[in-house]
Structures are given as structure tokens and as C-alpha cells.
Amino acid sequence: METLIGLSPIIFYLVLVAVIIGIIVSVAKKSKPNSDNERRIRDLEEEVRNLKNNRGN
């Protein structure tokens, strides 16, 4: 029983680290679509510039 009580702080910190890593991973997954959208916006802006240049010629 004393061993279990002695290990409880270590277990607590391991659980805490696991929760923090889980939060970081979930936030990283949610931010990925934004970067995809940003890439698509850049592609569309380039396409608009190309169309404007072609229209001017």
C-alpha cells in the first residue's frame, strides 16, 4: 500500500503530461484545415492576378 501511495505523484504527473500532449495534438489537427484554406486562398489570388494580366493583354 505504501508503494502505491509513493507512486501516486508519478502517476499523477504522467497523466497530466498525457492530457497536455493530447490537447496539443487536437489543437494541431484543428489548425491544419486553416493552413489548407490559406493555401487555397493564395492559389485563388494568384489565379485572379493571372486572369487580370491576361485580360489586360
N, C-alpha and C. Protein backbone atom coordinates (compact mmCIF):
# COMPACT_ATOMS: atom_id res chain seq x y z
N MET A 1 0.83 -1.20 0.00
CA MET A 1 0.00 0.00 0.00
C MET A 1 0.87 1.26 0.00
N GLU A 2 1.97 1.22 0.75
CA GLU A 2 2.84 2.38 0.79
C GLU A 2 3.49 2.63 -0.57
N THR A 3 3.76 1.56 -1.31
CA THR A 3 4.34 1.70 -2.64
C THR A 3 3.37 2.42 -3.56
N LEU A 4 2.08 2.07 -3.46
CA LEU A 4 1.06 2.72 -4.28
C LEU A 4 0.96 4.20 -3.94
N ILE A 5 1.02 4.52 -2.68
CA ILE A 5 0.97 5.93 -2.27
C ILE A 5 2.23 6.65 -2.74
N GLY A 6 3.35 6.01 -2.70
CA GLY A 6 4.59 6.61 -3.17
C GLY A 6 4.61 6.83 -4.67
N LEU A 7 3.93 5.96 -5.42
CA LEU A 7 3.89 6.09 -6.88
C LEU A 7 2.80 7.04 -7.37
N SER A 8 1.89 7.42 -6.51
CA SER A 8 0.77 8.25 -6.94
C SER A 8 1.20 9.60 -7.52
N PRO A 9 2.22 10.30 -6.98
CA PRO A 9 2.63 11.55 -7.64
C PRO A 9 3.19 11.31 -9.05
N ILE A 10 3.93 10.22 -9.21
CA ILE A 10 4.47 9.91 -10.54
C ILE A 10 3.34 9.62 -11.51
N ILE A 11 2.37 8.85 -11.08
CA ILE A 11 1.22 8.53 -11.92
C ILE A 11 0.46 9.81 -12.27
N PHE A 12 0.29 10.69 -11.28
CA PHE A 12 -0.41 11.94 -11.50
C PHE A 12 0.29 12.77 -12.58
N TYR A 13 1.62 12.90 -12.49
CA TYR A 13 2.36 13.68 -13.48
C TYR A 13 2.33 13.03 -14.86
N LEU A 14 2.36 11.72 -14.91
CA LEU A 14 2.26 11.04 -16.21
C LEU A 14 0.90 11.29 -16.86
N VAL A 15 -0.15 11.24 -16.07
CA VAL A 15 -1.50 11.52 -16.59
C VAL A 15 -1.58 12.97 -17.05
N LEU A 16 -1.00 13.88 -16.26
CA LEU A 16 -1.01 15.30 -16.62
C LEU A 16 -0.29 15.54 -17.94
N VAL A 17 0.87 14.92 -18.12
CA VAL A 17 1.63 15.06 -19.37
C VAL A 17 0.83 14.47 -20.53
N ALA A 18 0.18 13.34 -20.33
CA ALA A 18 -0.61 12.73 -21.39
C ALA A 18 -1.77 13.63 -21.80
N VAL A 19 -2.41 14.28 -20.84
CA VAL A 19 -3.52 15.18 -21.15
C VAL A 19 -3.00 16.39 -21.93
N ILE A 20 -1.88 16.95 -21.51
CA ILE A 20 -1.32 18.10 -22.21
C ILE A 20 -0.93 17.74 -23.65
N ILE A 21 -0.31 16.59 -23.83
CA ILE A 21 0.06 16.14 -25.18
C ILE A 21 -1.21 15.93 -26.02
N GLY A 22 -2.24 15.36 -25.43
CA GLY A 22 -3.50 15.18 -26.15
C GLY A 22 -4.11 16.49 -26.59
N ILE A 23 -4.05 17.50 -25.74
CA ILE A 23 -4.58 18.82 -26.09
C ILE A 23 -3.78 19.42 -27.23
N ILE A 24 -2.46 19.32 -27.15
CA ILE A 24 -1.61 19.88 -28.21
C ILE A 24 -1.89 19.20 -29.54
N VAL A 25 -2.05 17.89 -29.53
CA VAL A 25 -2.31 17.15 -30.77
C VAL A 25 -3.67 17.54 -31.35
N SER A 26 -4.69 17.67 -30.50
CA SER A 26 -6.01 18.02 -31.01
C SER A 26 -6.02 19.43 -31.57
N VAL A 27 -5.31 20.35 -30.95
CA VAL A 27 -5.23 21.71 -31.47
C VAL A 27 -4.49 21.73 -32.80
N ALA A 28 -3.43 20.94 -32.90
CA ALA A 28 -2.67 20.89 -34.15
C ALA A 28 -3.52 20.34 -35.29
N LYS A 29 -4.35 19.35 -35.00
CA LYS A 29 -5.22 18.79 -36.04
C LYS A 29 -6.27 19.80 -36.47
N LYS A 30 -6.77 20.60 -35.54
CA LYS A 30 -7.79 21.59 -35.89
C LYS A 30 -7.20 22.74 -36.67
N SER A 31 -5.94 23.06 -36.47
CA SER A 31 -5.33 24.19 -37.17
C SER A 31 -4.93 23.82 -38.60
N LYS A 32 -4.84 22.55 -38.91
CA LYS A 32 -4.41 22.14 -40.24
C LYS A 32 -5.37 22.59 -41.33
N PRO A 33 -6.70 22.46 -41.18
CA PRO A 33 -7.59 22.95 -42.24
C PRO A 33 -7.40 24.44 -42.52
N ASN A 34 -7.04 25.23 -41.51
CA ASN A 34 -6.82 26.65 -41.74
C ASN A 34 -5.65 26.87 -42.69
N SER A 35 -4.58 26.10 -42.50
CA SER A 35 -3.45 26.26 -43.40
C SER A 35 -3.82 25.78 -44.81
N ASP A 36 -4.68 24.77 -44.92
CA ASP A 36 -5.16 24.33 -46.23
C ASP A 36 -5.97 25.45 -46.88
N ASN A 37 -6.81 26.10 -46.08
CA ASN A 37 -7.61 27.20 -46.61
C ASN A 37 -6.72 28.36 -47.03
N GLU A 38 -5.70 28.64 -46.24
CA GLU A 38 -4.78 29.73 -46.60
C GLU A 38 -4.07 29.42 -47.91
N ARG A 39 -3.68 28.17 -48.09
CA ARG A 39 -3.03 27.78 -49.34
C ARG A 39 -3.98 27.95 -50.51
N ARG A 40 -5.24 27.56 -50.33
CA ARG A 40 -6.23 27.69 -51.39
C ARG A 40 -6.50 29.15 -51.72
N ILE A 41 -6.50 29.99 -50.68
CA ILE A 41 -6.71 31.43 -50.91
C ILE A 41 -5.56 31.99 -51.73
N ARG A 42 -4.32 31.61 -51.38
CA ARG A 42 -3.16 32.09 -52.15
C ARG A 42 -3.25 31.63 -53.60
N ASP A 43 -3.66 30.38 -53.81
CA ASP A 43 -3.80 29.87 -55.18
C ASP A 43 -4.85 30.64 -55.95
N LEU A 44 -5.97 30.94 -55.30
CA LEU A 44 -7.04 31.69 -55.98
C LEU A 44 -6.61 33.12 -56.26
N GLU A 45 -5.89 33.74 -55.33
CA GLU A 45 -5.40 35.10 -55.57
C GLU A 45 -4.44 35.13 -56.76
N GLU A 46 -3.59 34.12 -56.85
CA GLU A 46 -2.68 34.03 -58.00
C GLU A 46 -3.46 33.84 -59.29
N GLU A 47 -4.49 33.03 -59.24
CA GLU A 47 -5.32 32.80 -60.42
C GLU A 47 -6.00 34.10 -60.86
N VAL A 48 -6.49 34.87 -59.90
CA VAL A 48 -7.13 36.15 -60.22
C VAL A 48 -6.12 37.10 -60.87
N ARG A 49 -4.89 37.15 -60.31
CA ARG A 49 -3.86 38.00 -60.89
C ARG A 49 -3.56 37.58 -62.33
N ASN A 50 -3.48 36.28 -62.55
CA ASN A 50 -3.21 35.78 -63.92
C ASN A 50 -4.33 36.16 -64.88
N LEU A 51 -5.57 36.03 -64.40
CA LEU A 51 -6.70 36.38 -65.26
C LEU A 51 -6.71 37.87 -65.58
N LYS A 52 -6.39 38.71 -64.58
CA LYS A 52 -6.35 40.15 -64.82
C LYS A 52 -5.25 40.50 -65.82
N ASN A 53 -4.09 39.85 -65.68
CA ASN A 53 -2.99 40.10 -66.62
C ASN A 53 -3.35 39.68 -68.04
N ASN A 54 -4.02 38.55 -68.17
CA ASN A 54 -4.43 38.06 -69.50
C ASN A 54 -5.46 38.98 -70.12
N ARG A 55 -6.34 39.53 -69.31
CA ARG A 55 -7.38 40.41 -69.81
C ARG A 55 -6.75 41.72 -70.29
N GLY A 56 -5.71 42.17 -69.61
CA GLY A 56 -5.04 43.42 -69.97
C GLY A 56 -4.25 43.33 -71.27
N ASN A 57 -3.84 42.14 -71.64
CA ASN A 57 -3.01 41.97 -72.85
C ASN A 57 -3.82 41.93 -74.10
